[in-house]
Amino acid sequence: MAVTTYVRWLGHSTVLMNQDETWVLTDPVLRRRVAHLWRKNPLLPEDWPERVDVILISHMHHDHLDLPTLERLGKDKLLLVPERAGSWLRGKGFRNVRELPVGASERVEVLDINAVPAHHSGWRPPFGPTAEAIGFMLDGAHRIYYPGDTDLFAGMAHLASDIDLALIPVWGWGPTLGEGHLDPFRAAEAVVRLKPKVVVPIHWGTFHPIGTALHRAGFLVDPPHVFATAARRLAPQTDIRILAPGGETTLD
């Protein structure tokens, strides 16, 4: 019997996915404010998933590893984290933490979750610690690539074949991007290398620095459309699906 995979983008890098009743949540940041960043759109009650089987943490930056969000989701939730992040999280009271070095995998119900490389800093400001930055390849009824934060890197084209869905970061939270990120054009090149069937652009349009003049903040709106134009030109076989924060789609 065919399996439908449900995907809901909750904003920034937070994606809720369901394959055959296995629920996965990526890099959850579900607060109105994180450090100097404000959330553009208010959270709704349903943005807090009632059931999550596993939470994937790609790296230790505050906009990807948010302790108050993780605490509210529950300190007994299974966390799959980069190498050298586990002891720090256990020291914060999280009781079900497993480190995945690049190349390692974890079976969670119907999914094989594999840690893959990412080109990005793993240091947690302002005082550390530093852990590896990783992405994840989820293998079940559908193969899904979640890169966390990354720039293009050698070997990206060989991560996996037959990727059904790639969740591709196309920007960030401010008017400029730092090192280790994909802008819309480099994200389009990532699509060429990965050859996924479907792409959902993420990591845009959710957070902005306090004091941003939103009526002039094109960085909150433009990146996925610039990306889609470039990706459809370079990889016309790929289905590009732009979702608003809170939007959802399915794979059949």
Protein backbone atom coordinates (compact mmCIF):
# COMPACT_ATOMS: atom_id res chain seq x y z
CA MET A 1 0.00 0.00 0.00
CA ALA A 2 1.31 3.45 -0.90
CA VAL A 3 2.45 5.63 2.00
CA THR A 4 1.82 9.36 2.14
CA THR A 5 4.48 11.51 3.79
CA TYR A 6 3.20 14.67 5.41
CA VAL A 7 5.49 17.73 5.61
CA ARG A 8 4.72 20.96 7.44
CA TRP A 9 7.19 23.86 7.51
CA LEU A 10 6.77 25.67 10.83
CA GLY A 11 9.26 28.39 9.89
CA HIS A 12 13.04 28.89 9.67
CA SER A 13 14.54 25.37 9.86
CA THR A 14 11.71 23.80 11.84
CA VAL A 15 9.94 21.11 9.80
CA LEU A 16 7.44 18.55 11.08
CA MET A 17 7.28 15.33 9.07
CA ASN A 18 5.27 12.14 9.34
CA GLN A 19 6.02 8.85 7.59
CA ASP A 20 3.81 5.91 8.47
CA GLU A 21 3.05 7.36 11.95
CA THR A 22 6.68 8.20 12.72
CA TRP A 23 6.88 11.90 13.60
CA VAL A 24 10.11 13.85 13.06
CA LEU A 25 10.84 17.47 14.02
CA THR A 26 13.92 19.34 12.78
CA ASP A 27 15.80 22.10 14.65
CA PRO A 28 12.74 23.33 16.58
CA VAL A 29 12.64 27.04 17.41
CA LEU A 30 9.08 27.80 18.46
CA ARG A 31 9.25 31.09 20.31
CA ARG A 32 8.31 34.69 19.59
CA ARG A 33 11.83 35.93 20.33
CA VAL A 34 15.24 34.24 20.22
CA ALA A 35 18.15 36.45 21.35
CA HIS A 36 17.97 39.57 19.12
CA LEU A 37 15.55 38.00 16.64
CA TRP A 38 11.79 38.46 16.45
CA ARG A 39 9.45 36.04 14.75
CA LYS A 40 7.62 37.72 11.89
CA ASN A 41 4.42 35.69 12.15
CA PRO A 42 2.85 34.74 15.49
CA LEU A 43 2.85 31.12 16.51
CA LEU A 44 -0.46 29.28 16.60
CA PRO A 45 -1.39 26.61 19.16
CA GLU A 46 -1.11 23.92 16.49
CA ASP A 47 2.50 24.98 15.81
CA TRP A 48 3.40 22.97 18.93
CA PRO A 49 3.22 19.34 17.75
CA GLU A 50 1.49 17.07 20.22
CA ARG A 51 3.46 13.99 19.27
CA VAL A 52 7.08 13.82 18.17
CA ASP A 53 9.08 10.58 18.08
CA VAL A 54 12.48 12.13 17.33
CA ILE A 55 13.98 15.62 17.18
CA LEU A 56 16.91 16.25 14.83
CA ILE A 57 19.47 18.90 15.82
CA SER A 58 21.84 19.86 13.02
CA HIS A 59 24.15 22.20 14.96
CA MET A 60 24.35 24.32 18.07
CA HIS A 61 23.53 27.84 16.86
CA HIS A 62 20.71 29.48 18.83
CA ASP A 63 18.39 29.61 15.82
CA HIS A 64 18.66 25.81 15.46
CA LEU A 65 19.14 24.57 19.03
CA ASP A 66 16.76 26.50 21.29
CA LEU A 67 16.75 25.20 24.86
CA PRO A 68 13.38 26.67 25.94
CA THR A 69 11.68 25.08 22.93
CA LEU A 70 13.29 21.70 23.63
CA GLU A 71 12.33 21.91 27.30
CA ARG A 72 8.70 22.58 26.43
CA LEU A 73 8.67 19.65 23.99
CA GLY A 74 9.92 17.44 26.82
CA LYS A 75 13.27 16.41 28.27
CA ASP A 76 12.59 12.74 27.53
CA LYS A 77 12.16 13.22 23.77
CA LEU A 78 14.74 11.42 21.65
CA LEU A 79 17.30 13.94 20.38
CA LEU A 80 19.70 13.00 17.56
CA VAL A 81 22.55 15.49 17.69
CA PRO A 82 26.02 16.10 16.26
CA GLU A 83 29.14 14.66 17.79
CA ARG A 84 30.24 16.58 20.93
CA ALA A 85 26.77 18.09 21.49
CA GLY A 86 25.43 15.20 23.55
CA SER A 87 27.24 15.79 26.84
CA TRP A 88 26.28 19.48 26.81
CA LEU A 89 22.60 18.66 26.34
CA ARG A 90 22.68 15.93 28.96
CA GLY A 91 24.18 18.51 31.32
CA LYS A 92 21.07 20.64 30.67
CA GLY A 93 18.84 17.81 31.85
CA PHE A 94 17.89 16.12 28.58
CA ARG A 95 17.71 12.40 29.22
CA ASN A 96 17.46 10.78 25.77
CA VAL A 97 20.29 12.17 23.66
CA ARG A 98 22.21 10.22 21.02
CA GLU A 99 25.15 11.58 19.08
CA LEU A 100 25.42 10.83 15.38
CA PRO A 101 28.84 11.42 13.84
CA VAL A 102 28.88 11.78 10.07
CA GLY A 103 28.33 8.36 8.54
CA ALA A 104 26.41 6.98 11.53
CA SER A 105 22.72 6.09 11.48
CA GLU A 106 19.88 5.50 13.92
CA ARG A 107 16.75 3.42 13.39
CA VAL A 108 13.63 5.19 14.71
CA GLU A 109 10.48 3.12 14.14
CA VAL A 110 10.10 2.98 10.32
CA LEU A 111 12.95 5.39 9.52
CA ASP A 112 16.69 5.02 9.10
CA ILE A 113 18.15 8.42 9.97
CA ASN A 114 21.67 8.99 8.67
CA ALA A 115 24.07 11.81 9.58
CA VAL A 116 25.65 13.43 6.51
CA PRO A 117 28.22 16.23 6.14
CA ALA A 118 27.45 19.94 6.30
CA HIS A 119 29.72 22.91 5.64
CA HIS A 120 28.93 25.24 8.54
CA SER A 121 30.29 26.37 11.89
CA GLY A 122 29.28 24.25 14.87
CA TRP A 123 30.33 26.74 17.57
CA ARG A 124 27.63 27.95 19.99
CA PRO A 125 28.07 31.64 20.76
CA PRO A 126 29.10 33.39 22.87
CA PHE A 127 31.20 30.93 24.89
CA GLY A 128 30.77 27.59 23.16
CA PRO A 129 30.91 24.65 23.15
CA THR A 130 31.78 23.60 19.62
CA ALA A 131 30.21 20.54 18.04
CA GLU A 132 30.13 19.22 14.52
CA ALA A 133 27.53 20.58 12.08
CA ILE A 134 25.65 17.84 10.24
CA GLY A 135 22.73 17.22 7.94
CA PHE A 136 20.35 14.28 7.92
CA MET A 137 19.13 11.81 5.30
CA LEU A 138 15.86 10.11 6.27
CA ASP A 139 15.16 6.78 4.60
CA GLY A 140 11.68 5.31 4.82
CA ALA A 141 8.82 5.18 2.35
CA HIS A 142 10.39 8.37 0.96
CA ARG A 143 13.98 9.61 1.11
CA ILE A 144 14.22 13.11 2.60
CA TYR A 145 17.32 15.29 2.87
CA TYR A 146 17.49 17.88 5.63
CA PRO A 147 20.85 19.72 5.48
CA GLY A 148 20.54 22.00 8.50
CA ASP A 149 22.70 24.98 7.63
CA THR A 150 25.29 24.39 4.94
CA ASP A 151 27.07 25.86 1.98
CA LEU A 152 27.94 23.82 -1.10
CA PHE A 153 30.59 21.20 -0.38
CA ALA A 154 32.55 18.53 -2.17
CA GLY A 155 30.56 15.32 -2.19
CA MET A 156 27.12 16.91 -2.01
CA ALA A 157 26.22 15.33 -5.36
CA HIS A 158 27.02 11.89 -3.95
CA LEU A 159 25.11 12.01 -0.65
CA ALA A 160 22.34 9.75 -1.96
CA SER A 161 20.48 8.84 -5.11
CA ASP A 162 16.73 9.05 -5.62
CA ILE A 163 16.03 11.83 -3.11
CA ASP A 164 12.28 12.37 -2.96
CA LEU A 165 12.36 15.64 -1.03
CA ALA A 166 15.13 18.11 -0.23
CA LEU A 167 14.49 20.82 2.36
CA ILE A 168 16.90 23.45 1.05
CA PRO A 169 17.92 26.56 3.02
CA VAL A 170 17.82 29.61 0.74
CA TRP A 171 18.59 32.50 3.10
CA GLY A 172 18.70 33.27 6.84
CA TRP A 173 17.31 35.85 9.27
CA GLY A 174 18.91 39.14 8.19
CA PRO A 175 19.68 41.33 5.19
CA THR A 176 23.06 39.61 4.66
CA LEU A 177 24.38 36.06 4.96
CA GLY A 178 27.43 34.86 6.82
CA GLU A 179 29.82 32.12 5.76
CA GLY A 180 28.44 28.60 5.56
CA HIS A 181 25.02 29.41 4.13
CA LEU A 182 23.26 28.96 0.80
CA ASP A 183 21.91 32.02 -0.95
CA PRO A 184 19.19 31.52 -3.60
CA PHE A 185 21.67 30.95 -6.43
CA ARG A 186 23.93 28.56 -4.54
CA ALA A 187 20.81 26.77 -3.31
CA ALA A 188 19.80 26.31 -6.96
CA GLU A 189 23.22 24.80 -7.63
CA ALA A 190 22.61 22.43 -4.69
CA VAL A 191 19.45 21.25 -6.46
CA VAL A 192 21.49 20.51 -9.58
CA ARG A 193 23.89 18.39 -7.53
CA LEU A 194 21.27 16.58 -5.44
CA LYS A 195 18.68 15.93 -8.20
CA PRO A 196 15.70 15.64 -5.81
CA LYS A 197 12.20 15.08 -7.10
CA VAL A 198 10.72 17.81 -4.87
CA VAL A 199 12.27 20.79 -3.09
CA VAL A 200 10.79 22.94 -0.34
CA PRO A 201 12.87 26.09 0.34
CA ILE A 202 13.33 26.77 4.07
CA HIS A 203 15.38 29.04 6.36
CA TRP A 204 13.80 32.27 5.19
CA GLY A 205 10.98 34.66 6.04
CA THR A 206 10.60 33.75 9.72
CA PHE A 207 12.96 35.72 11.97
CA HIS A 208 14.37 39.22 11.65
CA PRO A 209 16.58 41.41 13.84
CA ILE A 210 14.73 43.61 16.33
CA GLY A 211 14.12 47.04 14.81
CA THR A 212 13.90 45.85 11.21
CA ALA A 213 11.69 48.05 9.04
CA LEU A 214 9.49 45.25 7.75
CA HIS A 215 8.04 47.26 4.85
CA ARG A 216 11.59 47.46 3.43
CA ALA A 217 12.72 43.96 4.41
CA GLY A 218 12.81 42.22 1.04
CA PHE A 219 15.01 39.51 2.57
CA LEU A 220 11.90 38.21 4.33
CA VAL A 221 10.00 37.71 1.07
CA ASP A 222 12.24 37.52 -2.00
CA PRO A 223 14.71 34.62 -1.47
CA PRO A 224 12.43 31.63 -2.22
CA HIS A 225 11.15 33.24 -5.41
CA VAL A 226 14.66 34.13 -6.63
CA PHE A 227 15.69 30.58 -5.78
CA ALA A 228 12.70 29.04 -7.57
CA THR A 229 13.41 30.99 -10.75
CA ALA A 230 17.05 29.89 -10.77
CA ALA A 231 16.30 26.28 -9.80
CA ARG A 232 13.60 25.85 -12.45
CA ARG A 233 16.04 27.08 -15.07
CA LEU A 234 18.91 24.85 -13.94
CA ALA A 235 16.89 21.79 -12.87
CA PRO A 236 13.53 21.88 -14.67
CA GLN A 237 12.77 18.28 -13.70
CA THR A 238 12.51 19.23 -9.99
CA ASP A 239 9.19 20.26 -8.47
CA ILE A 240 9.76 23.46 -6.44
CA ARG A 241 7.11 24.01 -3.77
CA ILE A 242 7.20 27.34 -1.93
CA LEU A 243 5.37 27.20 1.39
CA ALA A 244 4.60 30.05 3.75
CA PRO A 245 5.55 29.46 7.39
CA GLY A 246 2.94 27.02 8.66
CA GLY A 247 2.31 25.65 5.16
CA GLU A 248 2.20 21.97 4.37
CA THR A 249 2.58 19.54 1.51
CA THR A 250 2.58 15.79 0.95
CA LEU A 251 4.57 13.17 -0.92
CA ASP A 252 2.61 10.24 -2.35
